Amino acid sequence: MYVVPLIKDFTTRFSGIKSASEFQLELSKWYFDNKRCGLGYICLVESVITKLCNNLDIKDFNNRKNIKNIFCLTNKSKELTKLEYKYKSINKIRRRIAHASFYQNEKFSFNADIE
C-alpha cells in the first residue's frame, strides 16, 4: 500500500520517453529530486554523450570514447564549443563528488556543487 504510489509515480514519470538520452536526463532529474546528487551527475554526463552518439551504437564503449574525443578538436562550431563547456563543467562536478576523498581544493565546496 505504501510502495504502489511510488511505483506509479516512477512509471508515469518515465512513460513518454522516446530515447535513451531522454531517459538518462529524466533519470538524472529524478536522482536530483531524491537528493542523490552523485548519481544525478553521472546520468547527466552520460545523457550528453548518449545524445551526441546520434545514430551510433550507444552501447559500444569505443563510440562513446570517440564522442568524448570530439571535444579535443581545435576547429569546433560555436554550438559544439558551448556544449563542450557545459559537458566539462558538469563532468568536473561529477568527478569531485565521485572522488570525495581527494576533494582538497579551497575554491570548491560540496554545497556549491550540489546547488
C-alpha atoms as a PDB file:
ATOM      1  CA  MET A   1       0.000   0.000   0.000  1.00  0.00           C
ATOM      2  CA  TYR A   2       2.952   2.368   0.600  1.00  0.00           C
ATOM      3  CA  VAL A   3       5.032   1.293  -2.366  1.00  0.00           C
ATOM      4  CA  VAL A   4       2.339   1.280  -5.065  1.00  0.00           C
ATOM      5  CA  PRO A   5       2.025   5.104  -5.282  1.00  0.00           C
ATOM      6  CA  LEU A   6       5.820   5.413  -5.545  1.00  0.00           C
ATOM      7  CA  ILE A   7       5.984   2.861  -8.340  1.00  0.00           C
ATOM      8  CA  LYS A   8       3.062   4.513 -10.141  1.00  0.00           C
ATOM      9  CA  ASP A   9       4.747   7.916  -9.931  1.00  0.00           C
ATOM     10  CA  PHE A  10       8.040   6.482 -11.161  1.00  0.00           C
ATOM     11  CA  THR A  11       6.492   4.694 -14.152  1.00  0.00           C
ATOM     12  CA  THR A  12       4.353   7.726 -15.068  1.00  0.00           C
ATOM     13  CA  ARG A  13       7.400   9.969 -14.989  1.00  0.00           C
ATOM     14  CA  PHE A  14       9.274   7.801 -17.495  1.00  0.00           C
ATOM     15  CA  SER A  15       6.342   6.686 -19.684  1.00  0.00           C
ATOM     16  CA  GLY A  16       6.603   9.274 -22.502  1.00  0.00           C
ATOM     17  CA  ILE A  17      10.341   8.985 -23.059  1.00  0.00           C
ATOM     18  CA  LYS A  18      11.384   8.204 -26.622  1.00  0.00           C
ATOM     19  CA  SER A  19      15.193   7.953 -26.496  1.00  0.00           C
ATOM     20  CA  ALA A  20      17.987   6.690 -24.276  1.00  0.00           C
ATOM     21  CA  SER A  21      19.400  10.196 -23.781  1.00  0.00           C
ATOM     22  CA  GLU A  22      15.973  11.493 -22.683  1.00  0.00           C
ATOM     23  CA  PHE A  23      15.708   8.588 -20.252  1.00  0.00           C
ATOM     24  CA  GLN A  24      19.150   9.353 -18.796  1.00  0.00           C
ATOM     25  CA  LEU A  25      18.296  13.046 -18.494  1.00  0.00           C
ATOM     26  CA  GLU A  26      14.998  12.329 -16.734  1.00  0.00           C
ATOM     27  CA  LEU A  27      16.715   9.772 -14.501  1.00  0.00           C
ATOM     28  CA  SER A  28      19.289  12.400 -13.534  1.00  0.00           C
ATOM     29  CA  LYS A  29      16.426  14.769 -12.602  1.00  0.00           C
ATOM     30  CA  TRP A  30      14.824  12.005 -10.541  1.00  0.00           C
ATOM     31  CA  TYR A  31      18.103  11.414  -8.700  1.00  0.00           C
ATOM     32  CA  PHE A  32      18.483  15.154  -8.001  1.00  0.00           C
ATOM     33  CA  ASP A  33      14.878  15.345  -6.760  1.00  0.00           C
ATOM     34  CA  ASN A  34      15.659  12.471  -4.402  1.00  0.00           C
ATOM     35  CA  LYS A  35      18.898  14.024  -3.087  1.00  0.00           C
ATOM     36  CA  ARG A  36      21.179  11.559  -4.911  1.00  0.00           C
ATOM     37  CA  CYS A  37      23.436  14.167  -6.496  1.00  0.00           C
ATOM     38  CA  GLY A  38      26.359  11.877  -7.339  1.00  0.00           C
ATOM     39  CA  LEU A  39      24.160   9.537  -9.351  1.00  0.00           C
ATOM     40  CA  GLY A  40      22.360  12.522 -10.847  1.00  0.00           C
ATOM     41  CA  TYR A  41      25.627  13.916 -12.199  1.00  0.00           C
ATOM     42  CA  ILE A  42      26.663  10.529 -13.579  1.00  0.00           C
ATOM     43  CA  CYS A  43      23.391  10.229 -15.502  1.00  0.00           C
ATOM     44  CA  LEU A  44      23.599  13.846 -16.659  1.00  0.00           C
ATOM     45  CA  VAL A  45      27.106  13.379 -18.108  1.00  0.00           C
ATOM     46  CA  GLU A  46      26.078  10.119 -19.769  1.00  0.00           C
ATOM     47  CA  SER A  47      22.961  11.727 -21.271  1.00  0.00           C
ATOM     48  CA  VAL A  48      25.155  14.268 -23.104  1.00  0.00           C
ATOM     49  CA  ILE A  49      27.393  11.514 -24.504  1.00  0.00           C
ATOM     50  CA  THR A  50      24.393   9.394 -25.489  1.00  0.00           C
ATOM     51  CA  LYS A  51      22.735  12.358 -27.224  1.00  0.00           C
ATOM     52  CA  LEU A  52      25.901  13.058 -29.216  1.00  0.00           C
ATOM     53  CA  CYS A  53      26.143   9.411 -30.303  1.00  0.00           C
ATOM     54  CA  ASN A  54      23.119  10.135 -32.539  1.00  0.00           C
ATOM     55  CA  ASN A  55      22.997   7.151 -34.952  1.00  0.00           C
ATOM     56  CA  LEU A  56      25.902   5.233 -33.409  1.00  0.00           C
ATOM     57  CA  ASP A  57      25.568   2.177 -31.185  1.00  0.00           C
ATOM     58  CA  ILE A  58      25.345   3.810 -27.743  1.00  0.00           C
ATOM     59  CA  LYS A  59      26.381   0.581 -26.013  1.00  0.00           C
ATOM     60  CA  ASP A  60      29.720   0.478 -27.834  1.00  0.00           C
ATOM     61  CA  PHE A  61      32.382   1.887 -25.488  1.00  0.00           C
ATOM     62  CA  ASN A  62      34.583   2.955 -28.427  1.00  0.00           C
ATOM     63  CA  ASN A  63      31.765   5.044 -29.908  1.00  0.00           C
ATOM     64  CA  ARG A  64      31.279   6.802 -26.565  1.00  0.00           C
ATOM     65  CA  LYS A  65      35.027   7.353 -26.235  1.00  0.00           C
ATOM     66  CA  ASN A  66      35.212   8.813 -29.748  1.00  0.00           C
ATOM     67  CA  ILE A  67      32.359  11.205 -28.965  1.00  0.00           C
ATOM     68  CA  LYS A  68      34.277  12.457 -25.921  1.00  0.00           C
ATOM     69  CA  ASN A  69      37.317  12.985 -28.160  1.00  0.00           C
ATOM     70  CA  ILE A  70      35.301  15.359 -30.353  1.00  0.00           C
ATOM     71  CA  PHE A  71      35.788  17.937 -27.612  1.00  0.00           C
ATOM     72  CA  CYS A  72      39.558  17.789 -28.277  1.00  0.00           C
ATOM     73  CA  LEU A  73      39.182  19.125 -31.826  1.00  0.00           C
ATOM     74  CA  THR A  74      40.597  22.588 -32.403  1.00  0.00           C
ATOM     75  CA  ASN A  75      38.182  23.937 -35.044  1.00  0.00           C
ATOM     76  CA  LYS A  76      34.771  23.490 -33.468  1.00  0.00           C
ATOM     77  CA  SER A  77      31.466  25.123 -34.204  1.00  0.00           C
ATOM     78  CA  LYS A  78      30.074  27.608 -31.682  1.00  0.00           C
ATOM     79  CA  GLU A  79      27.404  25.087 -30.677  1.00  0.00           C
ATOM     80  CA  LEU A  80      29.982  22.380 -30.029  1.00  0.00           C
ATOM     81  CA  THR A  81      32.153  24.810 -28.067  1.00  0.00           C
ATOM     82  CA  LYS A  82      29.156  25.700 -25.857  1.00  0.00           C
ATOM     83  CA  LEU A  83      28.341  22.029 -25.367  1.00  0.00           C
ATOM     84  CA  GLU A  84      31.973  21.272 -24.567  1.00  0.00           C
ATOM     85  CA  TYR A  85      31.982  23.956 -21.850  1.00  0.00           C
ATOM     86  CA  LYS A  86      28.762  22.600 -20.333  1.00  0.00           C
ATOM     87  CA  TYR A  87      29.948  18.992 -20.548  1.00  0.00           C
ATOM     88  CA  LYS A  88      33.297  19.762 -18.929  1.00  0.00           C
ATOM     89  CA  SER A  89      31.648  21.820 -16.175  1.00  0.00           C
ATOM     90  CA  ILE A  90      29.196  19.038 -15.364  1.00  0.00           C
ATOM     91  CA  ASN A  91      31.898  16.374 -15.544  1.00  0.00           C
ATOM     92  CA  LYS A  92      34.197  18.325 -13.171  1.00  0.00           C
ATOM     93  CA  ILE A  93      31.442  18.390 -10.574  1.00  0.00           C
ATOM     94  CA  ARG A  94      30.741  14.678 -11.145  1.00  0.00           C
ATOM     95  CA  ARG A  95      34.425  13.859 -10.600  1.00  0.00           C
ATOM     96  CA  ARG A  96      34.640  15.975  -7.451  1.00  0.00           C
ATOM     97  CA  ILE A  97      31.588  14.249  -5.973  1.00  0.00           C
ATOM     98  CA  ALA A  98      32.672  10.762  -7.088  1.00  0.00           C
ATOM     99  CA  HIS A  99      36.180  11.164  -5.649  1.00  0.00           C
ATOM    100  CA  ALA A 100      35.232  12.916  -2.428  1.00  0.00           C
ATOM    101  CA  SER A 101      38.194  11.531  -0.530  1.00  0.00           C
ATOM    102  CA  PHE A 102      40.522  13.509  -2.816  1.00  0.00           C
ATOM    103  CA  TYR A 103      38.497  16.704  -2.589  1.00  0.00           C
ATOM    104  CA  GLN A 104      41.132  19.090  -1.228  1.00  0.00           C
ATOM    105  CA  ASN A 105      40.529  22.339  -3.105  1.00  0.00           C
ATOM    106  CA  GLU A 106      39.510  25.521  -1.281  1.00  0.00           C
ATOM    107  CA  LYS A 107      37.866  27.018  -4.394  1.00  0.00           C
ATOM    108  CA  PHE A 108      35.057  24.459  -4.369  1.00  0.00           C
ATOM    109  CA  SER A 109      32.612  23.087  -1.855  1.00  0.00           C
ATOM    110  CA  PHE A 110      30.216  20.171  -1.861  1.00  0.00           C
ATOM    111  CA  ASN A 111      27.305  22.508  -1.130  1.00  0.00           C
ATOM    112  CA  ALA A 112      28.161  24.733  -4.109  1.00  0.00           C
ATOM    113  CA  ASP A 113      28.490  21.697  -6.408  1.00  0.00           C
ATOM    114  CA  ILE A 114      25.152  20.302  -5.268  1.00  0.00           C
ATOM    115  CA  GLU A 115      23.413  23.665  -5.656  1.00  0.00           C
END
